[in-house]
Amino acid sequence: MALPKFIITMDGYLRLGMVNQHKDLLVGNDQCIGGGYYQFDWTSNRLLLDRASYDFGRPRWHLIETLKVPEAYRRLRIVYCYEDDHEDFIVSDELNIEYYE
């Protein structure tokens, strides 16, 4: 069953989609450094990322400085929500964000 999943690549690309497995989001020779699930909070203009990919684990944010995000999400604040006692990681504040088409 297709679910809203995301991955982060070693090159810093955020890839989102309704897929069966996280690996379905890989393009070419992408190397994945984690992923999870996403949802939109339209009331607060946020893209909420959470949980971990069964294929690749949690995103390893410390491995990238710039996150490349699809242009369609330019107006959204990006937040990764941890399931345990960690504070939320405000991706939009902690990383440089570039947009691509």
N, C-alpha and C. Protein backbone atom coordinates (compact mmCIF):
# COMPACT_ATOMS: atom_id res chain seq x y z
N MET A 1 0.84 -1.18 0.00
CA MET A 1 0.00 0.00 0.00
C MET A 1 0.89 1.25 0.00
N ALA A 2 0.62 2.16 -0.88
CA ALA A 2 1.39 3.39 -0.98
C ALA A 2 1.08 4.31 0.20
N LEU A 3 2.15 4.83 0.80
CA LEU A 3 2.03 5.75 1.93
C LEU A 3 2.90 6.98 1.66
N PRO A 4 2.62 8.12 2.33
CA PRO A 4 3.42 9.33 2.13
C PRO A 4 4.79 9.18 2.81
N LYS A 5 5.82 8.95 2.02
CA LYS A 5 7.16 8.71 2.55
C LYS A 5 8.15 9.71 1.97
N PHE A 6 9.26 9.90 2.70
CA PHE A 6 10.33 10.78 2.22
C PHE A 6 11.67 10.12 2.47
N ILE A 7 12.65 10.57 1.70
CA ILE A 7 14.04 10.20 1.94
C ILE A 7 14.90 11.46 1.81
N ILE A 8 16.11 11.39 2.36
CA ILE A 8 17.14 12.40 2.20
C ILE A 8 18.32 11.70 1.54
N THR A 9 18.86 12.31 0.49
CA THR A 9 20.01 11.69 -0.18
C THR A 9 21.31 12.31 0.32
N MET A 10 22.41 11.62 0.07
CA MET A 10 23.73 12.12 0.47
C MET A 10 24.04 13.46 -0.19
N ASP A 11 23.44 13.70 -1.36
CA ASP A 11 23.61 14.99 -2.05
C ASP A 11 22.69 16.07 -1.50
N GLY A 12 21.88 15.73 -0.49
CA GLY A 12 21.04 16.72 0.17
C GLY A 12 19.65 16.89 -0.40
N TYR A 13 19.23 15.99 -1.28
CA TYR A 13 17.89 16.12 -1.86
C TYR A 13 16.82 15.51 -0.95
N LEU A 14 15.74 16.26 -0.77
CA LEU A 14 14.55 15.76 -0.10
C LEU A 14 13.63 15.23 -1.20
N ARG A 15 13.30 13.95 -1.12
CA ARG A 15 12.39 13.35 -2.10
C ARG A 15 11.15 12.84 -1.35
N LEU A 16 9.98 13.24 -1.84
CA LEU A 16 8.71 12.88 -1.23
C LEU A 16 7.85 12.13 -2.24
N GLY A 17 7.01 11.25 -1.75
CA GLY A 17 6.06 10.61 -2.66
C GLY A 17 5.20 9.58 -1.97
N MET A 18 4.15 9.22 -2.66
CA MET A 18 3.27 8.14 -2.21
C MET A 18 3.84 6.85 -2.80
N VAL A 19 4.55 6.09 -1.98
CA VAL A 19 5.24 4.90 -2.47
C VAL A 19 5.02 3.73 -1.51
N ASN A 20 5.31 2.53 -2.00
CA ASN A 20 5.24 1.34 -1.16
C ASN A 20 6.46 1.22 -0.26
N GLN A 21 7.63 1.47 -0.83
CA GLN A 21 8.88 1.37 -0.06
C GLN A 21 9.70 2.64 -0.27
N HIS A 22 10.46 3.00 0.75
CA HIS A 22 11.29 4.20 0.66
C HIS A 22 12.26 4.12 -0.51
N LYS A 23 12.76 2.94 -0.80
CA LYS A 23 13.73 2.80 -1.89
C LYS A 23 13.13 3.16 -3.24
N ASP A 24 11.80 3.19 -3.34
CA ASP A 24 11.14 3.59 -4.58
C ASP A 24 11.37 5.07 -4.91
N LEU A 25 11.83 5.85 -3.93
CA LEU A 25 12.09 7.28 -4.14
C LEU A 25 13.51 7.56 -4.66
N LEU A 26 14.37 6.56 -4.67
CA LEU A 26 15.74 6.73 -5.15
C LEU A 26 15.75 6.97 -6.65
N VAL A 27 16.65 7.84 -7.09
CA VAL A 27 16.82 8.14 -8.51
C VAL A 27 18.27 7.87 -8.89
N GLY A 28 18.48 7.10 -9.93
CA GLY A 28 19.84 6.84 -10.40
C GLY A 28 20.72 6.22 -9.33
N ASN A 29 21.85 6.87 -9.09
CA ASN A 29 22.82 6.36 -8.11
C ASN A 29 22.70 7.03 -6.75
N ASP A 30 21.52 7.54 -6.41
CA ASP A 30 21.30 8.17 -5.11
C ASP A 30 21.79 7.27 -3.98
N GLN A 31 22.37 7.90 -2.97
CA GLN A 31 22.70 7.20 -1.72
C GLN A 31 21.82 7.82 -0.64
N CYS A 32 21.02 7.02 0.00
CA CYS A 32 20.07 7.51 0.99
C CYS A 32 20.72 7.58 2.36
N ILE A 33 20.45 8.67 3.09
CA ILE A 33 20.95 8.81 4.46
C ILE A 33 19.79 8.90 5.46
N GLY A 34 18.68 8.28 5.11
CA GLY A 34 17.56 8.20 6.03
C GLY A 34 16.27 8.68 5.41
N GLY A 35 15.20 8.39 6.10
CA GLY A 35 13.89 8.79 5.62
C GLY A 35 12.83 8.55 6.68
N GLY A 36 11.61 8.66 6.25
CA GLY A 36 10.49 8.48 7.17
C GLY A 36 9.18 8.76 6.45
N TYR A 37 8.27 9.35 7.18
CA TYR A 37 6.93 9.64 6.67
C TYR A 37 6.68 11.14 6.75
N TYR A 38 5.74 11.63 5.97
CA TYR A 38 5.45 13.06 5.99
C TYR A 38 3.95 13.30 6.00
N GLN A 39 3.61 14.52 6.42
CA GLN A 39 2.24 15.02 6.33
C GLN A 39 2.30 16.54 6.26
N PHE A 40 1.26 17.12 5.72
CA PHE A 40 1.19 18.57 5.61
C PHE A 40 0.29 19.12 6.71
N ASP A 41 0.74 20.18 7.34
CA ASP A 41 -0.08 20.93 8.30
C ASP A 41 -0.38 22.26 7.62
N TRP A 42 -1.46 22.30 6.88
CA TRP A 42 -1.77 23.48 6.08
C TRP A 42 -2.15 24.67 6.96
N THR A 43 -2.69 24.42 8.12
CA THR A 43 -3.07 25.51 9.03
C THR A 43 -1.85 26.30 9.46
N SER A 44 -0.76 25.58 9.74
CA SER A 44 0.48 26.23 10.20
C SER A 44 1.53 26.36 9.11
N ASN A 45 1.18 26.00 7.87
CA ASN A 45 2.13 26.05 6.75
C ASN A 45 3.41 25.29 7.07
N ARG A 46 3.25 24.03 7.49
CA ARG A 46 4.41 23.22 7.82
C ARG A 46 4.38 21.89 7.08
N LEU A 47 5.56 21.42 6.74
CA LEU A 47 5.76 20.07 6.23
C LEU A 47 6.34 19.29 7.40
N LEU A 48 5.57 18.35 7.92
CA LEU A 48 5.99 17.58 9.09
C LEU A 48 6.57 16.25 8.65
N LEU A 49 7.81 16.02 9.04
CA LEU A 49 8.50 14.77 8.77
C LEU A 49 8.62 14.01 10.08
N ASP A 50 8.47 12.69 10.04
CA ASP A 50 8.61 11.94 11.28
C ASP A 50 8.96 10.49 11.03
N ARG A 51 9.13 9.76 12.10
CA ARG A 51 9.43 8.34 12.12
C ARG A 51 10.71 8.00 11.36
N ALA A 52 10.87 6.73 11.03
CA ALA A 52 12.09 6.27 10.36
C ALA A 52 11.73 5.33 9.22
N SER A 53 12.57 5.34 8.22
CA SER A 53 12.41 4.42 7.10
C SER A 53 12.83 3.02 7.54
N TYR A 54 12.04 2.02 7.15
CA TYR A 54 12.43 0.64 7.43
C TYR A 54 13.67 0.27 6.61
N ASP A 55 13.81 0.88 5.44
CA ASP A 55 14.95 0.59 4.57
C ASP A 55 16.23 1.31 5.00
N PHE A 56 16.11 2.57 5.46
CA PHE A 56 17.29 3.41 5.66
C PHE A 56 17.43 4.03 7.05
N GLY A 57 16.47 3.86 7.92
CA GLY A 57 16.55 4.45 9.26
C GLY A 57 16.15 5.92 9.29
N ARG A 58 16.40 6.56 10.45
CA ARG A 58 16.10 7.99 10.61
C ARG A 58 17.03 8.83 9.74
N PRO A 59 16.59 10.01 9.38
CA PRO A 59 17.48 10.91 8.62
C PRO A 59 18.70 11.27 9.46
N ARG A 60 19.85 11.26 8.84
CA ARG A 60 21.10 11.66 9.50
C ARG A 60 21.42 13.09 9.05
N TRP A 61 20.74 14.03 9.71
CA TRP A 61 20.81 15.44 9.33
C TRP A 61 22.22 15.97 9.41
N HIS A 62 23.03 15.45 10.32
CA HIS A 62 24.38 15.97 10.53
C HIS A 62 25.29 15.75 9.31
N LEU A 63 24.89 14.93 8.37
CA LEU A 63 25.72 14.65 7.19
C LEU A 63 25.56 15.67 6.06
N ILE A 64 24.59 16.57 6.20
CA ILE A 64 24.38 17.57 5.14
C ILE A 64 24.32 18.97 5.75
N GLU A 65 24.70 19.96 4.95
CA GLU A 65 24.60 21.36 5.35
C GLU A 65 23.45 22.07 4.65
N THR A 66 23.14 21.59 3.42
CA THR A 66 22.10 22.21 2.62
C THR A 66 21.09 21.14 2.21
N LEU A 67 19.83 21.44 2.41
CA LEU A 67 18.75 20.54 1.99
C LEU A 67 18.12 21.12 0.73
N LYS A 68 18.06 20.31 -0.32
CA LYS A 68 17.47 20.73 -1.59
C LYS A 68 16.03 20.23 -1.63
N VAL A 69 15.11 21.17 -1.67
CA VAL A 69 13.68 20.89 -1.52
C VAL A 69 12.95 21.25 -2.82
N PRO A 70 11.97 20.44 -3.23
CA PRO A 70 11.19 20.80 -4.41
C PRO A 70 10.54 22.18 -4.28
N GLU A 71 10.57 22.94 -5.34
CA GLU A 71 10.03 24.31 -5.37
C GLU A 71 8.60 24.39 -4.85
N ALA A 72 7.81 23.37 -5.06
CA ALA A 72 6.40 23.38 -4.64
C ALA A 72 6.23 23.59 -3.13
N TYR A 73 7.28 23.34 -2.36
CA TYR A 73 7.18 23.44 -0.90
C TYR A 73 7.87 24.68 -0.34
N ARG A 74 8.11 25.66 -1.20
CA ARG A 74 8.85 26.86 -0.80
C ARG A 74 8.25 27.57 0.41
N ARG A 75 6.97 27.67 0.52
CA ARG A 75 6.33 28.46 1.59
C ARG A 75 6.15 27.67 2.90
N LEU A 76 6.58 26.43 2.93
CA LEU A 76 6.36 25.60 4.11
C LEU A 76 7.58 25.56 5.03
N ARG A 77 7.33 25.62 6.31
CA ARG A 77 8.37 25.42 7.32
C ARG A 77 8.52 23.90 7.49
N ILE A 78 9.75 23.41 7.45
CA ILE A 78 10.00 21.98 7.50
C ILE A 78 10.47 21.59 8.90
N VAL A 79 9.78 20.61 9.49
CA VAL A 79 10.07 20.17 10.86
C VAL A 79 10.15 18.65 10.88
N TYR A 80 11.21 18.12 11.51
CA TYR A 80 11.30 16.68 11.75
C TYR A 80 10.93 16.42 13.20
N CYS A 81 9.91 15.61 13.43
CA CYS A 81 9.42 15.32 14.78
C CYS A 81 9.94 13.96 15.23
N TYR A 82 10.74 13.96 16.29
CA TYR A 82 11.23 12.71 16.86
C TYR A 82 10.13 12.06 17.68
N GLU A 83 10.14 10.75 17.76
CA GLU A 83 9.12 10.03 18.52
C GLU A 83 9.47 9.89 20.00
N ASP A 84 10.73 10.10 20.34
CA ASP A 84 11.15 9.91 21.74
C ASP A 84 11.32 11.27 22.42
N ASP A 85 12.24 11.36 23.36
CA ASP A 85 12.40 12.58 24.15
C ASP A 85 13.19 13.68 23.46
N HIS A 86 13.65 13.47 22.23
CA HIS A 86 14.35 14.52 21.50
C HIS A 86 13.41 15.68 21.20
N GLU A 87 13.98 16.88 21.18
CA GLU A 87 13.20 18.02 20.72
C GLU A 87 13.05 17.92 19.21
N ASP A 88 11.99 18.50 18.67
CA ASP A 88 11.82 18.52 17.23
C ASP A 88 13.02 19.21 16.58
N PHE A 89 13.41 18.74 15.42
CA PHE A 89 14.50 19.33 14.65
C PHE A 89 13.86 20.25 13.62
N ILE A 90 14.07 21.55 13.77
CA ILE A 90 13.47 22.52 12.85
C ILE A 90 14.41 22.63 11.64
N VAL A 91 14.14 21.82 10.66
CA VAL A 91 15.00 21.71 9.49
C VAL A 91 15.20 23.07 8.84
N SER A 92 14.13 23.83 8.72
CA SER A 92 14.19 25.14 8.06
C SER A 92 15.13 26.11 8.77
N ASP A 93 15.34 25.94 10.07
CA ASP A 93 16.23 26.81 10.84
C ASP A 93 17.66 26.25 10.91
N GLU A 94 17.79 24.95 10.94
CA GLU A 94 19.09 24.33 11.19
C GLU A 94 19.94 24.10 9.93
N LEU A 95 19.29 23.99 8.77
CA LEU A 95 20.01 23.73 7.52
C LEU A 95 19.75 24.85 6.52
N ASN A 96 20.69 25.04 5.62
CA ASN A 96 20.45 25.93 4.48
C ASN A 96 19.44 25.21 3.59
N ILE A 97 18.49 25.95 3.05
CA ILE A 97 17.48 25.36 2.17
C ILE A 97 17.63 25.94 0.77
N GLU A 98 17.72 25.08 -0.21
CA GLU A 98 17.71 25.46 -1.62
C GLU A 98 16.50 24.82 -2.25
N TYR A 99 15.94 25.47 -3.25
CA TYR A 99 14.76 24.92 -3.92
C TYR A 99 15.10 24.56 -5.36
N TYR A 100 14.52 23.47 -5.83
CA TYR A 100 14.73 23.03 -7.21
C TYR A 100 13.40 22.67 -7.85
N GLU A 101 13.39 22.70 -9.17
CA GLU A 101 12.16 22.35 -9.90
C GLU A 101 12.24 20.93 -10.41
